[in-house]
Amino acid sequence: MRQPDEVTPQELDRLVDGELDGKEYQALLRALEQHPEGWRQCALAFLEAQALQVELTKAPQILPEVSQDAPGRQAKNSKPSSMWAVAAGLLLAFGLGSWTQGWFVEDESAPAGDPQSPLTQVRPDEATDGQGEASIDEESVATTEAETMRLVVNDQEFVEIPTSEADAIDFDEIFRAGSREYERILRDLKRQGHVVRRIQQEVPVQLEDGRRARVPVDRIEIVPVRGNYQ
C-alpha cells in the first residue's frame, strides 16, 4: 500500500499540468483517497499554480527598442506640397503620367454579336494586354531611400522625387475620384507651373468572347518643372 510520502510533489505538478495518463491519474486519486493529508497537498499544488499564473499576467511586457534614423537625413528643400505627392502617384501608377478614363465602344468593323446581350462594360485598367501606351517598366521604378522615389522619364532618364508626404495620401482614393476631382488635380498642377498635356485617343482591345472594341481614354502627360526636384 502506498504511504502518504509516496505522493510526491512531482506527481502533483504533473496532475496540475494535466500530464498524467489514465492509469497514472486513477492511481494518484486512489492514493489521495486513502490518505487525507494527500488531498491537502493536492489543493496547495493547485493554489500555487493559480498564484503563479496571476503573477505572470501582471509581469510588465518588455518592448523592443526601436532605433531612430540618424538626424540630418532630411531633404535639402522644404517638404513638397501635397500636390507634388499626387503628381508622383499619377506618374508611378500610369507610367509617364498616363491617366485613362472612359468606357468601351464596340468596333463597327467587328462581326456583330448577339443583339440581345449588350456589350459588357470593362474597366480601362483591365484592358491593357500589352496594347496602348499606359504601361510602365516596373523594374525601372525603384525606391532609393525613405525620402525619395525614382521615376523613369522618356524611357531612360531617372528623376528622384521627395516623398516625405506621399505616405499620408491615399492614391487609390484619388484614382477612384470622379471627374470633378480629376479636373481639380490637373488645374492645380497647371497653377504650379507644370506643363499638362491632354491627349484623347482610342485604344483597341479584344474581349473574352472574341469581339473587338475600342476604349476612349484621356492620356495625360505631366512635364514637371525641373527646378523643383533636388
Protein backbone atom coordinates (compact mmCIF):
# COMPACT_ATOMS: atom_id res chain seq x y z
CA MET A 1 0.00 0.00 0.00
CA ARG A 2 1.26 3.47 -0.86
CA GLN A 3 2.35 5.69 2.03
CA PRO A 4 1.48 9.44 2.32
CA ASP A 5 5.00 10.40 1.42
CA GLU A 6 4.68 8.43 -1.81
CA VAL A 7 2.51 11.23 -3.29
CA THR A 8 5.46 13.27 -4.46
CA PRO A 9 5.42 16.98 -5.47
CA GLN A 10 6.42 15.90 -8.97
CA GLU A 11 3.25 13.81 -9.28
CA LEU A 12 1.11 16.68 -8.04
CA ASP A 13 2.75 19.05 -10.54
CA ARG A 14 2.01 16.64 -13.36
CA LEU A 15 -1.58 16.38 -12.11
CA VAL A 16 -1.97 20.16 -12.13
CA ASP A 17 -0.43 20.41 -15.61
CA GLY A 18 -2.63 17.59 -16.96
CA GLU A 19 0.32 15.40 -17.91
CA LEU A 20 -0.88 12.14 -16.29
CA ASP A 21 -2.30 9.39 -18.42
CA GLY A 22 -5.42 7.48 -17.42
CA LYS A 23 -3.71 4.82 -15.33
CA GLU A 24 -1.45 7.28 -13.50
CA TYR A 25 -4.43 9.57 -12.87
CA GLN A 26 -6.54 6.79 -11.31
CA ALA A 27 -3.62 5.54 -9.19
CA LEU A 28 -2.91 9.03 -7.84
CA LEU A 29 -6.58 9.60 -6.96
CA ARG A 30 -6.70 6.29 -5.06
CA ALA A 31 -3.57 7.26 -3.14
CA LEU A 32 -5.06 10.66 -2.24
CA GLU A 33 -8.34 8.98 -1.16
CA GLN A 34 -6.51 6.68 1.22
CA HIS A 35 -4.57 9.50 2.87
CA PRO A 36 -6.45 12.76 3.69
CA GLU A 37 -3.15 14.62 4.02
CA GLY A 38 -2.59 13.96 0.34
CA TRP A 39 -5.69 15.99 -0.58
CA ARG A 40 -4.28 18.94 1.32
CA GLN A 41 -1.05 18.69 -0.66
CA CYS A 42 -3.08 18.48 -3.88
CA ALA A 43 -5.07 21.60 -3.02
CA LEU A 44 -1.88 23.51 -2.21
CA ALA A 45 -0.39 22.48 -5.57
CA PHE A 46 -3.41 23.87 -7.45
CA LEU A 47 -3.35 27.11 -5.43
CA GLU A 48 0.36 27.52 -6.11
CA ALA A 49 -0.16 27.08 -9.86
CA GLN A 50 -3.02 29.59 -9.82
CA ALA A 51 -0.95 32.18 -7.92
CA LEU A 52 1.96 31.72 -10.35
CA GLN A 53 -0.34 32.29 -13.33
CA VAL A 54 -1.68 35.51 -11.78
CA GLU A 55 1.82 36.84 -11.15
CA LEU A 56 2.90 36.07 -14.70
CA THR A 57 -0.03 38.02 -16.14
CA LYS A 58 0.94 41.02 -14.00
CA ALA A 59 4.56 40.98 -15.19
CA PRO A 60 5.39 44.03 -17.35
CA GLN A 61 5.95 43.39 -21.03
CA ILE A 62 9.36 44.39 -22.34
CA LEU A 63 9.03 46.14 -25.67
CA PRO A 64 11.95 46.01 -28.11
CA GLU A 65 13.82 49.21 -28.63
CA VAL A 66 13.08 50.95 -31.90
CA SER A 67 16.08 52.59 -33.49
CA GLN A 68 15.53 56.04 -34.87
CA ASP A 69 17.04 57.32 -38.06
CA ALA A 70 20.11 59.44 -37.64
CA PRO A 71 19.46 63.20 -37.88
CA GLY A 72 20.45 65.10 -40.94
CA ARG A 73 18.69 62.89 -43.48
CA GLN A 74 16.07 65.49 -44.29
CA ALA A 75 15.72 66.66 -47.86
CA LYS A 76 17.62 69.75 -48.86
CA ASN A 77 14.49 71.64 -49.82
CA SER A 78 11.39 72.15 -47.72
CA LYS A 79 8.73 69.44 -47.68
CA PRO A 80 6.95 69.14 -51.02
CA SER A 81 3.34 70.13 -51.20
CA SER A 82 0.66 67.50 -51.20
CA MET A 83 0.04 68.15 -54.90
CA TRP A 84 3.62 67.05 -55.69
CA ALA A 85 2.83 63.76 -53.98
CA VAL A 86 -0.31 63.45 -56.08
CA ALA A 87 1.70 64.07 -59.27
CA ALA A 88 4.24 61.44 -58.23
CA GLY A 89 1.45 58.95 -57.62
CA LEU A 90 -0.03 59.60 -61.05
CA LEU A 91 3.34 59.03 -62.72
CA LEU A 92 4.03 55.82 -60.83
CA ALA A 93 0.60 54.36 -61.47
CA PHE A 94 0.32 55.08 -65.19
CA GLY A 95 3.90 55.46 -66.48
CA LEU A 96 4.98 58.86 -67.88
CA GLY A 97 1.86 60.37 -66.35
CA SER A 98 -0.74 58.44 -68.37
CA TRP A 99 -4.26 58.62 -66.97
CA THR A 100 -7.04 56.57 -68.54
CA GLN A 101 -10.75 57.20 -68.30
CA GLY A 102 -13.66 56.03 -70.40
CA TRP A 103 -15.77 53.09 -71.44
CA PHE A 104 -15.77 50.52 -74.20
CA VAL A 105 -17.32 51.23 -77.60
CA GLU A 106 -17.93 48.27 -79.88
CA ASP A 107 -15.85 48.32 -83.03
CA GLU A 108 -18.06 48.83 -86.10
CA SER A 109 -15.71 46.71 -88.23
CA ALA A 110 -16.06 43.73 -85.90
CA PRO A 111 -18.64 40.98 -86.58
CA ALA A 112 -21.99 41.61 -85.00
CA GLY A 113 -22.59 39.79 -81.75
CA ASP A 114 -25.77 38.69 -80.04
CA PRO A 115 -28.19 41.66 -80.28
CA GLN A 116 -29.92 40.57 -77.09
CA SER A 117 -26.73 40.75 -74.98
CA PRO A 118 -25.34 44.27 -74.54
CA LEU A 119 -21.62 44.91 -74.69
CA THR A 120 -20.16 44.26 -71.27
CA GLN A 121 -18.58 47.30 -69.70
CA VAL A 122 -14.94 46.72 -68.83
CA ARG A 123 -12.69 48.87 -66.73
CA PRO A 124 -9.93 50.52 -68.81
CA ASP A 125 -7.22 49.38 -66.42
CA GLU A 126 -8.21 45.75 -67.10
CA ALA A 127 -7.78 46.10 -70.88
CA THR A 128 -4.07 46.51 -71.15
CA ASP A 129 -2.85 43.17 -72.53
CA GLY A 130 0.22 44.89 -73.97
CA GLN A 131 -1.90 47.36 -76.01
CA GLY A 132 -1.98 51.13 -75.69
CA GLU A 133 0.66 53.24 -74.05
CA ALA A 134 -0.42 53.03 -70.43
CA SER A 135 2.43 50.72 -69.43
CA ILE A 136 5.35 51.12 -67.09
CA ASP A 137 8.65 49.36 -66.67
CA GLU A 138 8.29 48.07 -63.12
CA GLU A 139 11.95 47.16 -62.86
CA SER A 140 12.95 50.73 -63.73
CA VAL A 141 10.88 52.26 -60.92
CA ALA A 142 12.62 51.62 -57.62
CA THR A 143 12.65 53.18 -54.21
CA THR A 144 16.06 54.62 -53.33
CA GLU A 145 15.63 55.99 -49.82
CA ALA A 146 12.77 56.62 -47.40
CA GLU A 147 12.58 60.26 -48.54
CA THR A 148 12.72 59.79 -52.33
CA MET A 149 11.20 57.73 -55.12
CA ARG A 150 12.78 57.19 -58.54
CA LEU A 151 10.71 57.76 -61.67
CA VAL A 152 11.66 56.93 -65.24
CA VAL A 153 11.06 59.66 -67.81
CA ASN A 154 11.26 59.18 -71.58
CA ASP A 155 12.20 55.52 -71.00
CA GLN A 156 15.75 56.39 -69.99
CA GLU A 157 16.02 59.41 -67.72
CA PHE A 158 15.66 58.95 -63.97
CA VAL A 159 14.20 61.61 -61.70
CA GLU A 160 14.13 61.36 -57.90
CA ILE A 161 11.13 62.95 -56.19
CA PRO A 162 10.86 63.64 -52.42
CA THR A 163 8.05 61.60 -50.88
CA SER A 164 8.03 62.67 -47.25
CA GLU A 165 4.34 63.48 -47.57
CA ALA A 166 3.37 60.81 -50.08
CA ASP A 167 2.71 58.19 -47.40
CA ALA A 168 -0.08 60.31 -45.94
CA ILE A 169 -2.05 60.35 -49.23
CA ASP A 170 -4.34 57.55 -50.34
CA PHE A 171 -3.63 57.40 -54.07
CA ASP A 172 -6.26 54.70 -54.59
CA GLU A 173 -8.90 57.11 -53.32
CA ILE A 174 -7.68 59.75 -55.77
CA PHE A 175 -7.82 57.29 -58.68
CA ARG A 176 -11.39 56.39 -57.74
CA ALA A 177 -12.41 60.05 -57.57
CA GLY A 178 -14.89 61.43 -60.04
CA SER A 179 -14.24 63.73 -62.95
CA ARG A 180 -14.59 66.82 -60.75
CA GLU A 181 -11.66 65.78 -58.53
CA TYR A 182 -9.75 64.65 -61.62
CA GLU A 183 -10.07 68.09 -63.24
CA ARG A 184 -9.18 69.85 -59.99
CA ILE A 185 -5.88 67.97 -59.74
CA LEU A 186 -4.96 68.96 -63.30
CA ARG A 187 -5.82 72.61 -62.65
CA ASP A 188 -3.68 72.67 -59.50
CA LEU A 189 -0.73 71.21 -61.40
CA LYS A 190 -1.08 73.87 -64.10
CA ARG A 191 -1.21 76.65 -61.50
CA GLN A 192 2.09 75.40 -60.09
CA GLY A 193 3.72 75.94 -63.47
CA HIS A 194 3.87 72.36 -64.70
CA VAL A 195 3.02 71.51 -68.29
CA VAL A 196 -0.07 69.29 -68.50
CA ARG A 197 -0.97 67.82 -71.90
CA ARG A 198 -4.26 66.03 -72.54
CA ILE A 199 -4.31 63.62 -75.49
CA GLN A 200 -7.60 61.95 -76.38
CA GLN A 201 -7.33 58.64 -78.18
CA GLU A 202 -8.98 55.23 -78.56
CA VAL A 203 -7.22 52.01 -77.62
CA PRO A 204 -8.31 48.82 -79.48
CA VAL A 205 -8.94 45.77 -77.30
CA GLN A 206 -10.29 42.27 -77.77
CA LEU A 207 -12.98 40.98 -75.43
CA GLU A 208 -13.12 37.49 -73.99
CA ASP A 209 -15.89 36.48 -76.41
CA GLY A 210 -13.67 37.34 -79.39
CA ARG A 211 -15.29 40.64 -80.29
CA ARG A 212 -13.15 43.71 -80.81
CA ALA A 213 -13.84 47.03 -79.15
CA ARG A 214 -12.30 50.47 -78.69
CA VAL A 215 -11.93 52.21 -75.35
CA PRO A 216 -11.85 56.03 -75.31
CA VAL A 217 -9.12 57.26 -72.97
CA ASP A 218 -7.66 60.55 -71.86
CA ARG A 219 -3.87 60.30 -71.83
CA ILE A 220 -2.38 62.91 -69.53
CA GLU A 221 1.30 63.82 -69.77
CA ILE A 222 2.75 65.85 -66.92
CA VAL A 223 6.02 67.65 -67.61
CA PRO A 224 7.30 68.79 -64.20
CA VAL A 225 9.31 71.91 -63.57
CA ARG A 226 12.84 70.55 -63.25
CA GLY A 227 13.85 73.24 -60.79
CA ASN A 228 11.56 71.79 -58.14
CA TYR A 229 13.43 68.47 -57.97
CA GLN A 230 16.53 68.19 -55.89
